[in-house]
Amino acid sequence: MIEKFFNRLKNPQNQIIIDGKVWYDASLNPPEELAKGHIKFPYKFCPPALRLITI
């Protein structure tokens, strides 16, 4: 689901981000937190380059 969200942001029509990755890291999710329904997904993304702004 998060990967699909990143793909929508990467869409050339929107180009909100250039690229994004999300993954599961077991070390961030101890069994006690998972039992409570809490889960963490680390992610990285690359924003588009700043465009020239003329004032």
C-alpha atoms as a PDB file:
ATOM      1  CA  MET A   1       0.000   0.000   0.000  1.00  0.00           C
ATOM      2  CA  ILE A   2       2.787   2.460   0.854  1.00  0.00           C
ATOM      3  CA  GLU A   3       4.713   1.407  -2.258  1.00  0.00           C
ATOM      4  CA  LYS A   4       1.640   2.210  -4.388  1.00  0.00           C
ATOM      5  CA  PHE A   5       1.458   5.642  -2.750  1.00  0.00           C
ATOM      6  CA  PHE A   6       5.114   6.318  -3.659  1.00  0.00           C
ATOM      7  CA  ASN A   7       4.409   5.159  -7.226  1.00  0.00           C
ATOM      8  CA  ARG A   8       1.592   7.715  -7.514  1.00  0.00           C
ATOM      9  CA  LEU A   9       3.950  10.439  -6.272  1.00  0.00           C
ATOM     10  CA  LYS A  10       6.604   9.331  -8.815  1.00  0.00           C
ATOM     11  CA  ASN A  11       4.145   9.496 -11.721  1.00  0.00           C
ATOM     12  CA  PRO A  12       5.635  11.777 -14.437  1.00  0.00           C
ATOM     13  CA  GLN A  13       2.382  13.764 -14.542  1.00  0.00           C
ATOM     14  CA  ASN A  14       2.688  14.636 -10.838  1.00  0.00           C
ATOM     15  CA  GLN A  15       6.468  14.293 -10.234  1.00  0.00           C
ATOM     16  CA  ILE A  16       6.070  15.110  -6.551  1.00  0.00           C
ATOM     17  CA  ILE A  17       9.068  12.870  -5.799  1.00  0.00           C
ATOM     18  CA  ILE A  18      11.726  11.398  -8.084  1.00  0.00           C
ATOM     19  CA  ASP A  19      11.971   8.051  -6.306  1.00  0.00           C
ATOM     20  CA  GLY A  20      10.898   6.424  -3.061  1.00  0.00           C
ATOM     21  CA  LYS A  21      11.477   3.156  -1.241  1.00  0.00           C
ATOM     22  CA  VAL A  22       9.778   1.584   1.755  1.00  0.00           C
ATOM     23  CA  TRP A  23      10.737  -1.646   3.524  1.00  0.00           C
ATOM     24  CA  TYR A  24      10.066  -3.698   6.633  1.00  0.00           C
ATOM     25  CA  ASP A  25      12.702  -3.767   9.382  1.00  0.00           C
ATOM     26  CA  ALA A  26      12.076  -6.345  12.109  1.00  0.00           C
ATOM     27  CA  SER A  27      14.404  -4.524  14.519  1.00  0.00           C
ATOM     28  CA  LEU A  28      11.988  -1.556  14.562  1.00  0.00           C
ATOM     29  CA  ASN A  29       8.990  -3.774  15.307  1.00  0.00           C
ATOM     30  CA  PRO A  30       9.253  -5.745  18.567  1.00  0.00           C
ATOM     31  CA  PRO A  31       6.588  -8.430  19.108  1.00  0.00           C
ATOM     32  CA  GLU A  32       4.957  -6.389  21.900  1.00  0.00           C
ATOM     33  CA  GLU A  33       4.283  -3.473  19.552  1.00  0.00           C
ATOM     34  CA  LEU A  34       3.094  -5.726  16.727  1.00  0.00           C
ATOM     35  CA  ALA A  35       0.649  -7.367  19.170  1.00  0.00           C
ATOM     36  CA  LYS A  36      -0.798  -3.889  19.844  1.00  0.00           C
ATOM     37  CA  GLY A  37      -1.197  -3.318  16.101  1.00  0.00           C
ATOM     38  CA  HIS A  38       1.691  -0.836  15.909  1.00  0.00           C
ATOM     39  CA  ILE A  39       4.042  -1.243  12.962  1.00  0.00           C
ATOM     40  CA  LYS A  40       6.827   0.952  11.616  1.00  0.00           C
ATOM     41  CA  PHE A  41       8.119   1.053   8.047  1.00  0.00           C
ATOM     42  CA  PRO A  42      11.326   2.950   7.331  1.00  0.00           C
ATOM     43  CA  TYR A  43      11.363   4.857   4.049  1.00  0.00           C
ATOM     44  CA  LYS A  44      13.523   7.070   1.876  1.00  0.00           C
ATOM     45  CA  PHE A  45      12.549   9.384  -0.921  1.00  0.00           C
ATOM     46  CA  CYS A  46      14.209  11.819  -3.284  1.00  0.00           C
ATOM     47  CA  PRO A  47      12.350  15.102  -3.838  1.00  0.00           C
ATOM     48  CA  PRO A  48      12.445  16.756  -7.263  1.00  0.00           C
ATOM     49  CA  ALA A  49      15.131  19.329  -7.956  1.00  0.00           C
ATOM     50  CA  LEU A  50      14.320  22.893  -7.039  1.00  0.00           C
ATOM     51  CA  ARG A  51      13.190  24.796 -10.080  1.00  0.00           C
ATOM     52  CA  LEU A  52      14.387  28.273 -10.887  1.00  0.00           C
ATOM     53  CA  ILE A  53      12.255  30.848  -9.118  1.00  0.00           C
ATOM     54  CA  THR A  54      12.396  34.434 -10.370  1.00  0.00           C
ATOM     55  CA  ILE A  55      11.183  37.186  -8.095  1.00  0.00           C
END
